[in-house]
Each structure stands twice: as structure tokens, then as C-alpha cells.
Amino acid sequence: MIRVESPGLLTTVQDLGRPGYAHLGVSASGAADALALRVGNRLVGNSENAAALEMTLTGGAFSFDSDAVVALTGSDFGGERWRPFTVRAGEILRLGPTRHGARCYLSVRGGIDVPLVLGSRSTHVRSGLGGVAGRALQAGDVLPIGATPA
């Protein structure tokens, strides 16, 4: 499990989205930087479409109840980037403001295991779909991590 200690400016759960529902008035949503999401997921051994955390401009703080292999991709928060590393149980991963770019992805081995809505775990804030109750993450939210991929 991941606990949101501080969500930053706008942190949501995102995967590659839910295309094919525009005729119902549902946008595809999904990661703003699909390449960064795909790379982050591959670095931790997930499928490219696994759900991750998308952080906008400021990172946030996240604690883990067990050891987790994670990767940060996308915009530059400094420190560990574009390679997998381990966050130990009880540690808090703190990310500050971006240096370049707007969006950073925190991918975790197993993916963020929130319920599928129309085939996607992506948050679409305007329609209130996906992620955690269709909204940006808040302090105190607890996110399940999926089974470790083979």
C-alpha cells in the first residue's frame, strides 16, 4: 500500500487512458506524457499500461507499508530518475517542485490497483471517473499496489 502524506499540486492515478468512449461523452483521459508512463512501467517490470501516479509541477510525499521497486520518469524533480530503485517499508518518498517540465510519473512494481472504469484506471477529474473517486489525490488516501508481475 502507498499512503499519500502530501499530494502536491495535482496528483492523480493515470494509465494510458480509455479511448473509444467519445460517442458517450467520455474523453480518453490517461497520462499526459504517455512515453514517460510507458518507460516508468517497463523499468519496474510492469506492462506499459499499468497505473502510476502522475504529479503536476510539485511532487508530494508518499509512504510505503512494504518494500517497493519504483521509478520516476518525466519531468525533473532531481535525484533518482529514469531508473528503478527501492523504497523501504516505512520510508517516505518526498518529491519537490519540478526543475524542467510539468509532469512526473511514479511507477511502482505491480501498478496502482484502483478499480477499472470503462477499461481504465485513469482519473478524469472533470467527469469524476477512475482513480480514487474520480478526483485528485488527497492527504490520507491509501492506494493498493497490484500483484508483482511475472
Protein backbone atom coordinates (compact mmCIF):
# COMPACT_ATOMS: atom_id res chain seq x y z
CA MET A 1 0.00 0.00 0.00
CA ILE A 2 1.02 3.57 -0.65
CA ARG A 3 -0.21 6.29 1.67
CA VAL A 4 -0.44 9.84 0.37
CA GLU A 5 1.22 12.01 3.01
CA SER A 6 1.06 15.14 0.85
CA PRO A 7 -0.40 15.10 -2.68
CA GLY A 8 1.40 18.11 -4.15
CA LEU A 9 -0.43 20.45 -6.52
CA LEU A 10 -2.29 17.87 -8.61
CA THR A 11 -1.52 14.17 -8.32
CA THR A 12 -3.77 11.62 -9.97
CA VAL A 13 -3.75 7.94 -10.90
CA GLN A 14 -3.14 7.51 -14.64
CA ASP A 15 -2.62 4.74 -17.17
CA LEU A 16 -2.81 5.03 -20.97
CA GLY A 17 -6.48 6.01 -20.83
CA ARG A 18 -9.86 4.82 -22.05
CA PRO A 19 -10.14 5.51 -25.79
CA GLY A 20 -13.31 4.60 -27.66
CA TYR A 21 -15.94 6.25 -25.46
CA ALA A 22 -16.12 9.72 -27.04
CA HIS A 23 -19.52 8.87 -28.50
CA LEU A 24 -20.72 8.60 -24.89
CA GLY A 25 -19.12 11.93 -23.96
CA VAL A 26 -16.18 10.34 -22.12
CA SER A 27 -12.75 11.64 -23.05
CA ALA A 28 -9.85 9.20 -23.38
CA SER A 29 -8.01 10.80 -20.42
CA GLY A 30 -4.80 8.96 -19.49
CA ALA A 31 -1.22 10.10 -18.96
CA ALA A 32 -0.26 13.50 -20.35
CA ASP A 33 3.19 12.06 -21.20
CA ALA A 34 2.43 8.53 -22.40
CA LEU A 35 6.08 7.82 -23.23
CA ALA A 36 7.23 8.65 -19.68
CA LEU A 37 4.49 6.42 -18.24
CA ARG A 38 5.41 3.54 -20.55
CA VAL A 39 9.12 3.81 -19.74
CA GLY A 40 8.47 4.02 -15.99
CA ASN A 41 6.33 0.91 -16.11
CA ARG A 42 8.89 -1.03 -18.15
CA LEU A 43 11.66 -0.02 -15.72
CA VAL A 44 9.81 -1.62 -12.80
CA GLY A 45 8.70 -4.68 -14.77
CA ASN A 46 5.05 -3.75 -15.35
CA SER A 47 3.06 -3.80 -18.56
CA GLU A 48 3.21 -0.42 -20.30
CA ASN A 49 -0.42 0.33 -19.36
CA ALA A 50 -0.14 -0.20 -15.59
CA ALA A 51 -1.50 2.65 -13.49
CA ALA A 52 1.01 5.05 -11.91
CA LEU A 53 0.90 8.39 -10.12
CA GLU A 54 1.02 11.48 -12.33
CA MET A 55 2.30 14.53 -10.43
CA THR A 56 1.96 18.06 -11.79
CA LEU A 57 4.60 20.74 -11.06
CA THR A 58 5.12 19.74 -7.42
CA GLY A 59 5.74 16.18 -6.33
CA GLY A 60 4.32 15.27 -2.96
CA ALA A 61 5.18 12.77 -0.26
CA PHE A 62 4.27 9.09 -0.24
CA SER A 63 4.91 6.38 2.36
CA PHE A 64 5.06 2.66 1.72
CA ASP A 65 3.95 -0.13 4.06
CA SER A 66 6.32 -2.62 2.42
CA ASP A 67 9.43 -2.50 0.26
CA ALA A 68 8.59 -1.34 -3.26
CA VAL A 69 10.51 -1.05 -6.51
CA VAL A 70 9.68 2.29 -8.09
CA ALA A 71 10.83 4.56 -10.92
CA LEU A 72 10.45 8.28 -11.56
CA THR A 73 10.10 9.38 -15.18
CA GLY A 74 9.01 12.52 -16.95
CA SER A 75 9.87 15.98 -15.63
CA ASP A 76 12.94 16.51 -13.48
CA PHE A 77 12.46 16.57 -9.70
CA GLY A 78 16.15 15.88 -9.19
CA GLY A 79 17.60 12.78 -7.59
CA GLU A 80 16.69 9.29 -8.79
CA ARG A 81 15.29 9.43 -12.29
CA TRP A 82 14.78 7.11 -15.24
CA ARG A 83 16.00 4.04 -13.36
CA PRO A 84 14.38 1.72 -10.83
CA PHE A 85 15.19 1.98 -7.13
CA THR A 86 13.78 0.53 -3.91
CA VAL A 87 11.78 2.42 -1.31
CA ARG A 88 11.90 0.57 2.01
CA ALA A 89 8.89 -0.15 4.21
CA GLY A 90 8.16 2.85 6.44
CA GLU A 91 10.17 5.29 4.30
CA ILE A 92 8.60 8.44 2.92
CA LEU A 93 9.46 9.37 -0.65
CA ARG A 94 9.42 13.19 -0.85
CA LEU A 95 9.44 14.99 -4.17
CA GLY A 96 9.67 18.77 -4.53
CA PRO A 97 8.90 21.09 -7.45
CA THR A 98 9.94 20.26 -10.99
CA ARG A 99 13.04 21.82 -12.48
CA HIS A 100 12.02 21.22 -16.10
CA GLY A 101 8.69 20.07 -17.50
CA ALA A 102 5.30 19.76 -15.86
CA ARG A 103 4.54 16.08 -15.21
CA CYS A 104 6.43 13.34 -13.41
CA TYR A 105 5.36 9.71 -13.03
CA LEU A 106 5.87 7.49 -10.03
CA SER A 107 5.60 3.91 -11.26
CA VAL A 108 5.59 1.08 -8.73
CA ARG A 109 6.12 -2.60 -9.46
CA GLY A 110 2.64 -4.13 -9.57
CA GLY A 111 0.96 -0.84 -10.54
CA ILE A 112 -1.63 1.17 -8.64
CA ASP A 113 -4.55 -1.23 -8.24
CA VAL A 114 -7.61 1.01 -8.19
CA PRO A 115 -10.81 -0.28 -9.86
CA LEU A 116 -11.17 -0.26 -13.64
CA VAL A 117 -13.77 2.16 -15.02
CA LEU A 118 -14.57 1.63 -18.71
CA GLY A 119 -11.36 -0.38 -19.05
CA SER A 120 -9.01 2.13 -17.44
CA ARG A 121 -7.76 3.14 -14.00
CA SER A 122 -7.08 6.72 -15.16
CA THR A 123 -8.54 9.63 -13.25
CA HIS A 124 -10.65 12.06 -15.25
CA VAL A 125 -11.35 14.87 -12.80
CA ARG A 126 -13.95 16.73 -14.90
CA SER A 127 -16.21 13.70 -15.22
CA GLY A 128 -15.33 12.19 -11.82
CA LEU A 129 -14.25 8.86 -13.32
CA GLY A 130 -11.48 6.48 -12.32
CA GLY A 131 -8.59 6.72 -9.91
CA VAL A 132 -9.72 7.44 -6.36
CA ALA A 133 -13.35 8.61 -6.53
CA GLY A 134 -12.59 10.43 -9.81
CA ARG A 135 -10.61 13.16 -8.05
CA ALA A 136 -7.07 14.32 -7.41
CA LEU A 137 -5.37 12.54 -4.54
CA GLN A 138 -5.63 13.94 -1.02
CA ALA A 139 -3.51 13.51 2.09
CA GLY A 140 -4.53 10.28 3.82
CA ASP A 141 -5.56 8.41 0.66
CA VAL A 142 -4.33 4.82 0.64
CA LEU A 143 -3.57 3.18 -2.69
CA PRO A 144 -3.31 -0.57 -3.17
CA ILE A 145 -0.40 -1.96 -5.17
CA GLY A 146 -1.19 -4.79 -7.59
CA ALA A 147 0.41 -8.19 -7.66
CA THR A 148 4.04 -8.22 -8.72
CA PRO A 149 4.19 -9.12 -12.43
CA ALA A 150 5.95 -12.28 -13.51
